[in-house]
């Protein structure tokens, strides 16, 4: 799979799950692309954050990743 195909796979998986869950652990992304090494998936997720497709969210002790602009915190800010 190319990087663009992996990005598309991740975005489609997140959009499909967005009704019930908006933030995910990094390990959840590994399961979305099981045929890739974890380090490669992590690098692609980091690239997607830099490109503005995804964003990090931190509770202080845990860091989660989700689609940019999705989740409760964004609904409350409007």
PDB file of N, CA and C in Angstrom:
ATOM      1  N   UNK A   1       0.826  -1.190   0.000  1.00  0.00           N
ATOM      2  CA  UNK A   1       0.000   0.000   0.000  1.00  0.00           C
ATOM      3  C   UNK A   1       0.870   1.255   0.000  1.00  0.00           C
ATOM      4  N   UNK A   2       0.460   2.232  -0.754  1.00  0.00           N
ATOM      5  CA  UNK A   2       1.177   3.502  -0.729  1.00  0.00           C
ATOM      6  C   UNK A   2       0.706   4.322   0.468  1.00  0.00           C
ATOM      7  N   UNK A   3       1.443   5.359   0.782  1.00  0.00           N
ATOM      8  CA  UNK A   3       1.067   6.230   1.898  1.00  0.00           C
ATOM      9  C   UNK A   3      -0.316   6.830   1.688  1.00  0.00           C
ATOM     10  N   UNK A   4      -0.612   7.239   0.458  1.00  0.00           N
ATOM     11  CA  UNK A   4      -1.916   7.839   0.174  1.00  0.00           C
ATOM     12  C   UNK A   4      -3.051   6.830   0.373  1.00  0.00           C
ATOM     13  N   UNK A   5      -2.823   5.581   0.005  1.00  0.00           N
ATOM     14  CA  UNK A   5      -3.833   4.547   0.211  1.00  0.00           C
ATOM     15  C   UNK A   5      -4.050   4.290   1.699  1.00  0.00           C
ATOM     16  N   UNK A   6      -2.971   4.301   2.468  1.00  0.00           N
ATOM     17  CA  UNK A   6      -3.073   4.104   3.916  1.00  0.00           C
ATOM     18  C   UNK A   6      -3.842   5.267   4.537  1.00  0.00           C
ATOM     19  N   UNK A   7      -3.533   6.490   4.123  1.00  0.00           N
ATOM     20  CA  UNK A   7      -4.241   7.663   4.638  1.00  0.00           C
ATOM     21  C   UNK A   7      -5.733   7.557   4.339  1.00  0.00           C
ATOM     22  N   UNK A   8      -6.067   7.155   3.128  1.00  0.00           N
ATOM     23  CA  UNK A   8      -7.476   7.023   2.738  1.00  0.00           C
ATOM     24  C   UNK A   8      -8.156   5.944   3.564  1.00  0.00           C
ATOM     25  N   UNK A   9      -7.482   4.827   3.798  1.00  0.00           N
ATOM     26  CA  UNK A   9      -8.026   3.742   4.606  1.00  0.00           C
ATOM     27  C   UNK A   9      -8.311   4.226   6.028  1.00  0.00           C
ATOM     28  N   UNK A  10      -7.379   4.969   6.596  1.00  0.00           N
ATOM     29  CA  UNK A  10      -7.546   5.488   7.956  1.00  0.00           C
ATOM     30  C   UNK A  10      -8.713   6.471   8.011  1.00  0.00           C
ATOM     31  N   UNK A  11      -8.777   7.396   7.064  1.00  0.00           N
ATOM     32  CA  UNK A  11      -9.861   8.383   7.058  1.00  0.00           C
ATOM     33  C   UNK A  11     -11.225   7.705   6.917  1.00  0.00           C
ATOM     34  N   UNK A  12     -11.319   6.719   6.049  1.00  0.00           N
ATOM     35  CA  UNK A  12     -12.586   6.010   5.863  1.00  0.00           C
ATOM     36  C   UNK A  12     -12.984   5.269   7.136  1.00  0.00           C
ATOM     37  N   UNK A  13     -12.034   4.632   7.799  1.00  0.00           N
ATOM     38  CA  UNK A  13     -12.324   3.912   9.039  1.00  0.00           C
ATOM     39  C   UNK A  13     -12.780   4.867  10.131  1.00  0.00           C
ATOM     40  N   UNK A  14     -12.133   6.025  10.243  1.00  0.00           N
ATOM     41  CA  UNK A  14     -12.515   6.998  11.261  1.00  0.00           C
ATOM     42  C   UNK A  14     -13.895   7.575  10.990  1.00  0.00           C
ATOM     43  N   UNK A  15     -14.193   7.870   9.740  1.00  0.00           N
ATOM     44  CA  UNK A  15     -15.505   8.418   9.395  1.00  0.00           C
ATOM     45  C   UNK A  15     -16.608   7.391   9.657  1.00  0.00           C
ATOM     46  N   UNK A  16     -16.324   6.121   9.403  1.00  0.00           N
ATOM     47  CA  UNK A  16     -17.311   5.067   9.647  1.00  0.00           C
ATOM     48  C   UNK A  16     -17.602   4.908  11.135  1.00  0.00           C
ATOM     49  N   UNK A  17     -16.609   5.144  11.976  1.00  0.00           N
ATOM     50  CA  UNK A  17     -16.773   4.984  13.421  1.00  0.00           C
ATOM     51  C   UNK A  17     -17.148   6.283  14.122  1.00  0.00           C
ATOM     52  N   UNK A  18     -17.226   7.390  13.391  1.00  0.00           N
ATOM     53  CA  UNK A  18     -17.400   8.699  14.019  1.00  0.00           C
ATOM     54  C   UNK A  18     -18.747   8.879  14.720  1.00  0.00           C
ATOM     55  N   UNK A  19     -19.738   8.062  14.402  1.00  0.00           N
ATOM     56  CA  UNK A  19     -21.048   8.166  15.071  1.00  0.00           C
ATOM     57  C   UNK A  19     -20.943   7.762  16.544  1.00  0.00           C
ATOM     58  N   UNK A  20     -20.097   6.774  16.831  1.00  0.00           N
ATOM     59  CA  UNK A  20     -20.013   6.265  18.193  1.00  0.00           C
ATOM     60  C   UNK A  20     -18.747   6.681  18.926  1.00  0.00           C
ATOM     61  N   UNK A  21     -17.699   7.022  18.194  1.00  0.00           N
ATOM     62  CA  UNK A  21     -16.418   7.320  18.836  1.00  0.00           C
ATOM     63  C   UNK A  21     -15.653   8.306  17.965  1.00  0.00           C
ATOM     64  N   UNK A  22     -15.066   9.339  18.603  1.00  0.00           N
ATOM     65  CA  UNK A  22     -14.361  10.348  17.808  1.00  0.00           C
ATOM     66  C   UNK A  22     -12.867  10.396  18.082  1.00  0.00           C
ATOM     67  N   UNK A  23     -12.419   9.827  19.182  1.00  0.00           N
ATOM     68  CA  UNK A  23     -10.995   9.837  19.520  1.00  0.00           C
ATOM     69  C   UNK A  23     -10.503   8.403  19.690  1.00  0.00           C
ATOM     70  N   UNK A  24      -9.280   8.160  19.219  1.00  0.00           N
ATOM     71  CA  UNK A  24      -8.733   6.810  19.221  1.00  0.00           C
ATOM     72  C   UNK A  24      -7.311   6.793  19.759  1.00  0.00           C
ATOM     73  N   UNK A  25      -6.935   5.684  20.364  1.00  0.00           N
ATOM     74  CA  UNK A  25      -5.551   5.465  20.767  1.00  0.00           C
ATOM     75  C   UNK A  25      -4.731   5.148  19.525  1.00  0.00           C
ATOM     76  N   UNK A  26      -3.441   5.359  19.600  1.00  0.00           N
ATOM     77  CA  UNK A  26      -2.563   5.043  18.475  1.00  0.00           C
ATOM     78  C   UNK A  26      -2.661   3.568  18.110  1.00  0.00           C
ATOM     79  N   UNK A  27      -2.808   2.698  19.100  1.00  0.00           N
ATOM     80  CA  UNK A  27      -2.903   1.258  18.822  1.00  0.00           C
ATOM     81  C   UNK A  27      -4.128   0.921  17.977  1.00  0.00           C
ATOM     82  N   UNK A  28      -5.180   1.745  18.047  1.00  0.00           N
ATOM     83  CA  UNK A  28      -6.352   1.521  17.204  1.00  0.00           C
ATOM     84  C   UNK A  28      -6.018   1.722  15.732  1.00  0.00           C
ATOM     85  N   UNK A  29      -5.093   2.636  15.448  1.00  0.00           N
ATOM     86  CA  UNK A  29      -4.674   2.876  14.068  1.00  0.00           C
ATOM     87  C   UNK A  29      -3.870   1.689  13.538  1.00  0.00           C
ATOM     88  N   UNK A  30      -3.116   1.040  14.423  1.00  0.00           N
ATOM     89  CA  UNK A  30      -2.366  -0.147  13.996  1.00  0.00           C
ATOM     90  C   UNK A  30      -3.322  -1.220  13.487  1.00  0.00           C
ATOM     91  N   UNK A  31      -4.474  -1.362  14.143  1.00  0.00           N
ATOM     92  CA  UNK A  31      -5.456  -2.374  13.752  1.00  0.00           C
ATOM     93  C   UNK A  31      -6.125  -2.024  12.418  1.00  0.00           C
ATOM     94  N   UNK A  32      -6.176  -0.740  12.082  1.00  0.00           N
ATOM     95  CA  UNK A  32      -6.790  -0.323  10.809  1.00  0.00           C
ATOM     96  C   UNK A  32      -5.939  -0.727   9.614  1.00  0.00           C
ATOM     97  N   UNK A  33      -4.625  -0.822   9.831  1.00  0.00           N
ATOM     98  CA  UNK A  33      -3.701  -1.207   8.756  1.00  0.00           C
ATOM     99  C   UNK A  33      -2.796  -2.318   9.294  1.00  0.00           C
ATOM    100  N   UNK A  34      -3.352  -3.523   9.478  1.00  0.00           N
ATOM    101  CA  UNK A  34      -2.600  -4.594  10.140  1.00  0.00           C
ATOM    102  C   UNK A  34      -1.395  -5.118   9.370  1.00  0.00           C
ATOM    103  N   UNK A  35      -1.336  -4.892   8.058  1.00  0.00           N
ATOM    104  CA  UNK A  35      -0.219  -5.425   7.286  1.00  0.00           C
ATOM    105  C   UNK A  35       0.997  -4.504   7.274  1.00  0.00           C
ATOM    106  N   UNK A  36       0.928  -3.374   7.991  1.00  0.00           N
ATOM    107  CA  UNK A  36       2.071  -2.449   8.070  1.00  0.00           C
ATOM    108  C   UNK A  36       2.718  -2.530   9.441  1.00  0.00           C
ATOM    109  N   UNK A  37       3.975  -2.164   9.497  1.00  0.00           N
ATOM    110  CA  UNK A  37       4.677  -2.108  10.775  1.00  0.00           C
ATOM    111  C   UNK A  37       4.120  -0.938  11.588  1.00  0.00           C
ATOM    112  N   UNK A  38       4.084  -1.116  12.906  1.00  0.00           N
ATOM    113  CA  UNK A  38       3.546  -0.080  13.785  1.00  0.00           C
ATOM    114  C   UNK A  38       4.255   1.259  13.607  1.00  0.00           C
ATOM    115  N   UNK A  39       5.551   1.223  13.452  1.00  0.00           N
ATOM    116  CA  UNK A  39       6.328   2.460  13.303  1.00  0.00           C
ATOM    117  C   UNK A  39       5.922   3.209  12.032  1.00  0.00           C
ATOM    118  N   UNK A  40       5.677   2.476  10.954  1.00  0.00           N
ATOM    119  CA  UNK A  40       5.261   3.108   9.701  1.00  0.00           C
ATOM    120  C   UNK A  40       3.879   3.749   9.841  1.00  0.00           C
ATOM    121  N   UNK A  41       2.964   3.051  10.532  1.00  0.00           N
ATOM    122  CA  UNK A  41       1.628   3.602  10.762  1.00  0.00           C
ATOM    123  C   UNK A  41       1.732   4.867  11.611  1.00  0.00           C
ATOM    124  N   UNK A  42       2.567   4.825  12.633  1.00  0.00           N
ATOM    125  CA  UNK A  42       2.752   5.992  13.504  1.00  0.00           C
ATOM    126  C   UNK A  42       3.269   7.181  12.698  1.00  0.00           C
ATOM    127  N   UNK A  43       4.220   6.945  11.807  1.00  0.00           N
ATOM    128  CA  UNK A  43       4.762   8.029  10.987  1.00  0.00           C
ATOM    129  C   UNK A  43       3.692   8.624  10.070  1.00  0.00           C
ATOM    130  N   UNK A  44       2.846   7.779   9.509  1.00  0.00           N
ATOM    131  CA  UNK A  44       1.778   8.270   8.638  1.00  0.00           C
ATOM    132  C   UNK A  44       0.751   9.062   9.444  1.00  0.00           C
ATOM    133  N   UNK A  45       0.402   8.576  10.630  1.00  0.00           N
ATOM    134  CA  UNK A  45      -0.550   9.308  11.484  1.00  0.00           C
ATOM    135  C   UNK A  45       0.030  10.674  11.856  1.00  0.00           C
ATOM    136  N   UNK A  46       1.299  10.721  12.202  1.00  0.00           N
ATOM    137  CA  UNK A  46       1.937  12.001  12.516  1.00  0.00           C
ATOM    138  C   UNK A  46       1.908  12.945  11.312  1.00  0.00           C
ATOM    139  N   UNK A  47       2.136  12.401  10.129  1.00  0.00           N
ATOM    140  CA  UNK A  47       2.091  13.203   8.911  1.00  0.00           C
ATOM    141  C   UNK A  47       0.676  13.743   8.680  1.00  0.00           C
ATOM    142  N   UNK A  48      -0.325  12.908   8.960  1.00  0.00           N
ATOM    143  CA  UNK A  48      -1.719  13.337   8.789  1.00  0.00           C
ATOM    144  C   UNK A  48      -2.083  14.451   9.769  1.00  0.00           C
ATOM    145  N   UNK A  49      -1.507  14.422  10.964  1.00  0.00           N
ATOM    146  CA  UNK A  49      -1.712  15.510  11.930  1.00  0.00           C
ATOM    147  C   UNK A  49      -1.083  16.787  11.394  1.00  0.00           C
ATOM    148  N   UNK A  50       0.127  16.686  10.871  1.00  0.00           N
ATOM    149  CA  UNK A  50       0.808  17.861  10.311  1.00  0.00           C
ATOM    150  C   UNK A  50       0.052  18.441   9.125  1.00  0.00           C
ATOM    151  N   UNK A  51      -0.570  17.582   8.332  1.00  0.00           N
ATOM    152  CA  UNK A  51      -1.319  18.030   7.156  1.00  0.00           C
ATOM    153  C   UNK A  51      -2.691  18.589   7.525  1.00  0.00           C
ATOM    154  N   UNK A  52      -3.129  18.382   8.767  1.00  0.00           N
ATOM    155  CA  UNK A  52      -4.406  18.922   9.207  1.00  0.00           C
ATOM    156  C   UNK A  52      -5.592  17.994   9.068  1.00  0.00           C
ATOM    157  N   UNK A  53      -5.369  16.725   8.741  1.00  0.00           N
ATOM    158  CA  UNK A  53      -6.469  15.770   8.628  1.00  0.00           C
ATOM    159  C   UNK A  53      -6.895  15.254  10.004  1.00  0.00           C
ATOM    160  N   UNK A  54      -5.908  15.064  10.875  1.00  0.00           N
ATOM    161  CA  UNK A  54      -6.147  14.545  12.218  1.00  0.00           C
ATOM    162  C   UNK A  54      -5.642  15.552  13.245  1.00  0.00           C
ATOM    163  N   UNK A  55      -6.038  15.342  14.508  1.00  0.00           N
ATOM    164  CA  UNK A  55      -5.535  16.187  15.577  1.00  0.00           C
ATOM    165  C   UNK A  55      -5.334  15.358  16.835  1.00  0.00           C
ATOM    166  N   UNK A  56      -4.398  15.803  17.652  1.00  0.00           N
ATOM    167  CA  UNK A  56      -4.161  15.176  18.941  1.00  0.00           C
ATOM    168  C   UNK A  56      -5.096  15.797  19.959  1.00  0.00           C
ATOM    169  N   UNK A  57      -5.519  14.998  20.935  1.00  0.00           N
ATOM    170  CA  UNK A  57      -6.291  15.486  22.069  1.00  0.00           C
ATOM    171  C   UNK A  57      -5.686  14.840  23.304  1.00  0.00           C
ATOM    172  N   UNK A  58      -5.443  15.640  24.327  1.00  0.00           N
ATOM    173  CA  UNK A  58      -4.813  15.112  25.534  1.00  0.00           C
ATOM    174  C   UNK A  58      -5.653  15.428  26.755  1.00  0.00           C
ATOM    175  N   UNK A  59      -5.807  14.439  27.620  1.00  0.00           N
ATOM    176  CA  UNK A  59      -6.501  14.633  28.888  1.00  0.00           C
ATOM    177  C   UNK A  59      -5.505  15.020  29.973  1.00  0.00           C
ATOM    178  N   UNK A  60      -4.250  15.040  29.632  1.00  0.00           N
ATOM    179  CA  UNK A  60      -3.197  15.301  30.598  1.00  0.00           C
ATOM    180  C   UNK A  60      -2.367  14.058  30.848  1.00  0.00           C
ATOM    181  N   UNK A  61      -3.039  12.908  30.875  1.00  0.00           N
ATOM    182  CA  UNK A  61      -2.312  11.661  31.082  1.00  0.00           C
ATOM    183  C   UNK A  61      -2.389  10.742  29.875  1.00  0.00           C
ATOM    184  N   UNK A  62      -3.347  10.984  29.008  1.00  0.00           N
ATOM    185  CA  UNK A  62      -3.561  10.138  27.839  1.00  0.00           C
ATOM    186  C   UNK A  62      -3.671  11.002  26.593  1.00  0.00           C
ATOM    187  N   UNK A  63      -3.041  10.568  25.532  1.00  0.00           N
ATOM    188  CA  UNK A  63      -3.147  11.278  24.260  1.00  0.00           C
ATOM    189  C   UNK A  63      -3.943  10.428  23.287  1.00  0.00           C
ATOM    190  N   UNK A  64      -4.967  11.035  22.726  1.00  0.00           N
ATOM    191  CA  UNK A  64      -5.810  10.369  21.746  1.00  0.00           C
ATOM    192  C   UNK A  64      -5.716  11.128  20.425  1.00  0.00           C
ATOM    193  N   UNK A  65      -6.140  10.488  19.351  1.00  0.00           N
ATOM    194  CA  UNK A  65      -6.069  11.077  18.017  1.00  0.00           C
ATOM    195  C   UNK A  65      -7.438  10.937  17.373  1.00  0.00           C
ATOM    196  N   UNK A  66      -7.873  11.992  16.697  1.00  0.00           N
ATOM    197  CA  UNK A  66      -9.165  11.946  16.030  1.00  0.00           C
ATOM    198  C   UNK A  66      -9.193  12.833  14.805  1.00  0.00           C
ATOM    199  N   UNK A  67     -10.303  12.784  14.092  1.00  0.00           N
ATOM    200  CA  UNK A  67     -10.483  13.646  12.932  1.00  0.00           C
ATOM    201  C   UNK A  67     -10.525  15.100  13.395  1.00  0.00           C
ATOM    202  N   UNK A  68      -9.906  15.960  12.663  1.00  0.00           N
ATOM    203  CA  UNK A  68      -9.878  17.372  13.021  1.00  0.00           C
ATOM    204  C   UNK A  68     -11.298  17.936  12.999  1.00  0.00           C
ATOM    205  N   UNK A  69     -11.668  18.610  14.086  1.00  0.00           N
ATOM    206  CA  UNK A  69     -12.974  19.248  14.172  1.00  0.00           C
ATOM    207  C   UNK A  69     -14.099  18.361  14.669  1.00  0.00           C
ATOM    208  N   UNK A  70     -13.800  17.121  15.026  1.00  0.00           N
ATOM    209  CA  UNK A  70     -14.838  16.188  15.488  1.00  0.00           C
ATOM    210  C   UNK A  70     -14.757  16.041  17.003  1.00  0.00           C
ATOM    211  N   UNK A  71     -15.873  15.730  17.607  1.00  0.00           N
ATOM    212  CA  UNK A  71     -15.905  15.434  19.035  1.00  0.00           C
ATOM    213  C   UNK A  71     -16.658  16.478  19.828  1.00  0.00           C
ATOM    214  N   UNK A  72     -16.920  16.125  21.090  1.00  0.00           N
ATOM    215  CA  UNK A  72     -17.691  17.002  21.971  1.00  0.00           C
ATOM    216  C   UNK A  72     -17.054  18.366  22.170  1.00  0.00           C
ATOM    217  N   UNK A  73     -15.733  18.390  22.353  1.00  0.00           N
ATOM    218  CA  UNK A  73     -15.074  19.652  22.648  1.00  0.00           C
ATOM    219  C   UNK A  73     -15.264  20.667  21.533  1.00  0.00           C
ATOM    220  N   UNK A  74     -15.416  20.220  20.312  1.00  0.00           N
ATOM    221  CA  UNK A  74     -15.612  21.158  19.181  1.00  0.00           C
ATOM    222  C   UNK A  74     -17.049  21.655  19.130  1.00  0.00           C
ATOM    223  N   UNK A  75     -18.000  20.838  19.532  1.00  0.00           N
ATOM    224  CA  UNK A  75     -19.389  21.253  19.567  1.00  0.00           C
ATOM    225  C   UNK A  75     -19.636  22.298  20.634  1.00  0.00           C
ATOM    226  N   UNK A  76     -18.896  22.222  21.738  1.00  0.00           N
ATOM    227  CA  UNK A  76     -19.048  23.148  22.835  1.00  0.00           C
ATOM    228  C   UNK A  76     -18.399  24.496  22.548  1.00  0.00           C
ATOM    229  N   UNK A  77     -17.409  24.517  21.654  1.00  0.00           N
ATOM    230  CA  UNK A  77     -16.686  25.744  21.375  1.00  0.00           C
ATOM    231  C   UNK A  77     -17.466  26.682  20.454  1.00  0.00           C
ATOM    232  N   UNK A  78     -18.405  26.158  19.682  1.00  0.00           N
ATOM    233  CA  UNK A  78     -19.138  26.986  18.721  1.00  0.00           C
ATOM    234  C   UNK A  78     -20.028  28.001  19.394  1.00  0.00           C
TER     235      UNK A  78
END
